[in-house]
C-alpha atoms as a PDB file:
ATOM      1  CA  UNK A   1      77.300  85.613 124.743  1.00  0.00           C
ATOM      2  CA  UNK A   2      76.130  83.730 127.822  1.00  0.00           C
ATOM      3  CA  UNK A   3      77.852  84.371 131.127  1.00  0.00           C
ATOM      4  CA  UNK A   4      76.504  82.680 134.271  1.00  0.00           C
ATOM      5  CA  UNK A   5      73.267  81.829 132.451  1.00  0.00           C
ATOM      6  CA  UNK A   6      72.660  85.478 131.593  1.00  0.00           C
ATOM      7  CA  UNK A   7      72.870  86.907 128.097  1.00  0.00           C
ATOM      8  CA  UNK A   8      75.357  89.760 127.515  1.00  0.00           C
ATOM      9  CA  UNK A   9      76.084  91.757 124.401  1.00  0.00           C
ATOM     10  CA  UNK A  10      79.198  93.680 123.463  1.00  0.00           C
ATOM     11  CA  UNK A  11      78.206  97.347 123.239  1.00  0.00           C
ATOM     12  CA  UNK A  12      81.662  98.910 122.914  1.00  0.00           C
ATOM     13  CA  UNK A  13      84.942  97.432 121.708  1.00  0.00           C
ATOM     14  CA  UNK A  14      87.448 100.271 121.696  1.00  0.00           C
ATOM     15  CA  UNK A  15      90.571  99.401 119.664  1.00  0.00           C
ATOM     16  CA  UNK A  16      89.478  95.761 119.279  1.00  0.00           C
ATOM     17  CA  UNK A  17      90.006  95.074 122.995  1.00  0.00           C
ATOM     18  CA  UNK A  18      87.563  92.201 123.400  1.00  0.00           C
ATOM     19  CA  UNK A  19      89.011  88.692 123.307  1.00  0.00           C
ATOM     20  CA  UNK A  20      86.370  86.166 124.351  1.00  0.00           C
ATOM     21  CA  UNK A  21      88.827  83.480 125.425  1.00  0.00           C
ATOM     22  CA  UNK A  22      90.836  85.855 127.620  1.00  0.00           C
ATOM     23  CA  UNK A  23      87.660  87.379 129.067  1.00  0.00           C
ATOM     24  CA  UNK A  24      86.160  84.011 129.988  1.00  0.00           C
ATOM     25  CA  UNK A  25      89.414  82.941 131.645  1.00  0.00           C
ATOM     26  CA  UNK A  26      89.289  86.052 133.901  1.00  0.00           C
ATOM     27  CA  UNK A  27      85.567  86.389 134.565  1.00  0.00           C
ATOM     28  CA  UNK A  28      84.374  84.744 137.790  1.00  0.00           C
ATOM     29  CA  UNK A  29      80.993  84.444 139.481  1.00  0.00           C
ATOM     30  CA  UNK A  30      81.843  87.689 141.303  1.00  0.00           C
ATOM     31  CA  UNK A  31      80.494  89.492 138.216  1.00  0.00           C
ATOM     32  CA  UNK A  32      77.223  87.537 138.187  1.00  0.00           C
ATOM     33  CA  UNK A  33      75.087  90.372 139.588  1.00  0.00           C
ATOM     34  CA  UNK A  34      76.382  93.186 137.418  1.00  0.00           C
ATOM     35  CA  UNK A  35      74.448  94.824 134.595  1.00  0.00           C
ATOM     36  CA  UNK A  36      77.676  95.875 132.826  1.00  0.00           C
ATOM     37  CA  UNK A  37      81.186  94.449 132.772  1.00  0.00           C
ATOM     38  CA  UNK A  38      84.015  96.720 131.658  1.00  0.00           C
ATOM     39  CA  UNK A  39      87.358  95.278 130.644  1.00  0.00           C
ATOM     40  CA  UNK A  40      90.446  97.380 130.074  1.00  0.00           C
ATOM     41  CA  UNK A  41      93.881  96.326 128.948  1.00  0.00           C
ATOM     42  CA  UNK A  42      96.780  98.100 130.584  1.00  0.00           C
ATOM     43  CA  UNK A  43     100.386  96.947 130.321  1.00  0.00           C
ATOM     44  CA  UNK A  44      99.222  93.776 128.594  1.00  0.00           C
ATOM     45  CA  UNK A  45      96.868  92.735 131.428  1.00  0.00           C
ATOM     46  CA  UNK A  46      93.080  92.539 131.315  1.00  0.00           C
ATOM     47  CA  UNK A  47      91.256  94.102 134.272  1.00  0.00           C
ATOM     48  CA  UNK A  48      87.525  93.749 134.833  1.00  0.00           C
ATOM     49  CA  UNK A  49      85.063  95.936 136.745  1.00  0.00           C
ATOM     50  CA  UNK A  50      81.306  95.613 137.192  1.00  0.00           C
ATOM     51  CA  UNK A  51      78.699  98.370 137.039  1.00  0.00           C
ATOM     52  CA  UNK A  52      74.953  98.489 137.745  1.00  0.00           C
ATOM     53  CA  UNK A  53      71.874 100.550 137.036  1.00  0.00           C
ATOM     54  CA  UNK A  54      70.030 102.089 139.995  1.00  0.00           C
ATOM     55  CA  UNK A  55      67.267  99.467 139.927  1.00  0.00           C
ATOM     56  CA  UNK A  56      69.716  96.621 140.568  1.00  0.00           C
ATOM     57  CA  UNK A  57      69.579  95.308 144.159  1.00  0.00           C
ATOM     58  CA  UNK A  58      73.396  95.301 144.236  1.00  0.00           C
ATOM     59  CA  UNK A  59      73.607  98.934 143.106  1.00  0.00           C
ATOM     60  CA  UNK A  60      76.179 101.141 144.841  1.00  0.00           C
ATOM     61  CA  UNK A  61      76.958 104.680 143.807  1.00  0.00           C
ATOM     62  CA  UNK A  62      80.600 103.840 143.123  1.00  0.00           C
ATOM     63  CA  UNK A  63      79.468 101.254 140.550  1.00  0.00           C
ATOM     64  CA  UNK A  64      76.807 103.401 138.872  1.00  0.00           C
ATOM     65  CA  UNK A  65      76.830 102.609 135.151  1.00  0.00           C
ATOM     66  CA  UNK A  66      76.637 106.334 134.349  1.00  0.00           C
ATOM     67  CA  UNK A  67      80.200 106.596 135.707  1.00  0.00           C
ATOM     68  CA  UNK A  68      81.778 104.182 133.227  1.00  0.00           C
ATOM     69  CA  UNK A  69      83.318 106.987 131.130  1.00  0.00           C
ATOM     70  CA  UNK A  70      84.729 108.622 134.286  1.00  0.00           C
ATOM     71  CA  UNK A  71      86.140 105.271 135.430  1.00  0.00           C
ATOM     72  CA  UNK A  72      87.897 104.762 132.097  1.00  0.00           C
ATOM     73  CA  UNK A  73      89.264 108.312 132.099  1.00  0.00           C
ATOM     74  CA  UNK A  74      90.418 108.352 135.736  1.00  0.00           C
ATOM     75  CA  UNK A  75      91.389 104.728 136.468  1.00  0.00           C
ATOM     76  CA  UNK A  76      92.654 103.276 133.213  1.00  0.00           C
ATOM     77  CA  UNK A  77      95.853 103.937 131.295  1.00  0.00           C
ATOM     78  CA  UNK A  78      95.510 106.791 128.819  1.00  0.00           C
ATOM     79  CA  UNK A  79      94.330 105.529 125.438  1.00  0.00           C
ATOM     80  CA  UNK A  80      94.066 101.917 126.613  1.00  0.00           C
ATOM     81  CA  UNK A  81      91.969  99.352 124.826  1.00  0.00           C
ATOM     82  CA  UNK A  82      88.669  98.590 126.546  1.00  0.00           C
ATOM     83  CA  UNK A  83      85.291  96.964 126.061  1.00  0.00           C
ATOM     84  CA  UNK A  84      81.856  97.127 127.644  1.00  0.00           C
ATOM     85  CA  UNK A  85      79.458  94.197 127.931  1.00  0.00           C
ATOM     86  CA  UNK A  86      75.806  94.864 128.789  1.00  0.00           C
ATOM     87  CA  UNK A  87      73.480  92.290 130.274  1.00  0.00           C
ATOM     88  CA  UNK A  88      70.426  92.013 128.083  1.00  0.00           C
ATOM     89  CA  UNK A  89      66.949  92.549 129.541  1.00  0.00           C
ATOM     90  CA  UNK A  90      68.293  94.886 132.216  1.00  0.00           C
END
């Protein structure tokens, strides 16, 4: 899937969370610099968050991709549907 002229692939789709149409309607150029985009569905609403690897110039510790599991556990509704998109050639 192409997003902002960069190729992304779906690497996790927990409980069939990914809906391309809904994702594209929510995703803005704010997410352009992220290596990973996580989407979670809580109370019927899709929320998006970006994460990066350390080599990314926009890397910040709070958005370290190694913290995705912690983010889902601590900031998302228990058992919610979620997906992870990874930018290819990261």
